[in-house]
Amino acid sequence: ADALVKTASAGRDDTPEDHARVSDATPYDPKRPGLFATRSETSPSVVVELAGDVSISGVTVVGDARGLTAWVSQDGKDWQEVASGGGSEAGWRIDLGGESPTAKFVKVGRVGGEKKSLSLAKVLVYGKRLF
């Protein structure tokens, strides 16, 4: 819940007033989905900046997660890939199991390829606070 959401770009259907709902546990509401949307680009992404370092045990993505990749970072510059291939049209559950990397940033997006936008309802990060 104590996170900031940053998108690679702002798309036509972006709703910045609802960005806080993208990373919190508020139940999904189709009338106020907490949606963000990037422009069509070759590497659209969203970054969730946590309030401090977290030992991350998993990530849940709600929305079209087909073909996505997930990364973590402690500084927001150097990224470590933790999962790829994405999930389904409805979402993606990433279980990092015993790996539990320590990070302050979590990024979800597409790598290269055709120009597409990224539009998700939720990006939830699970783990143990280390701050």
Foldseek 3Di string as FASTA:
>chain_A
DQKAKDWPAADPPADVVLCVQQADPDDADPVRLSKTKHFFDFKIKMKIFHPAKFQFFWKKWAAQFAFKWKWFAAPVPDTDTQDTRTDHRGIHIGGSPPVRDIGRMMMMIHHGDGGDMDMTRYIYTDGGDPD
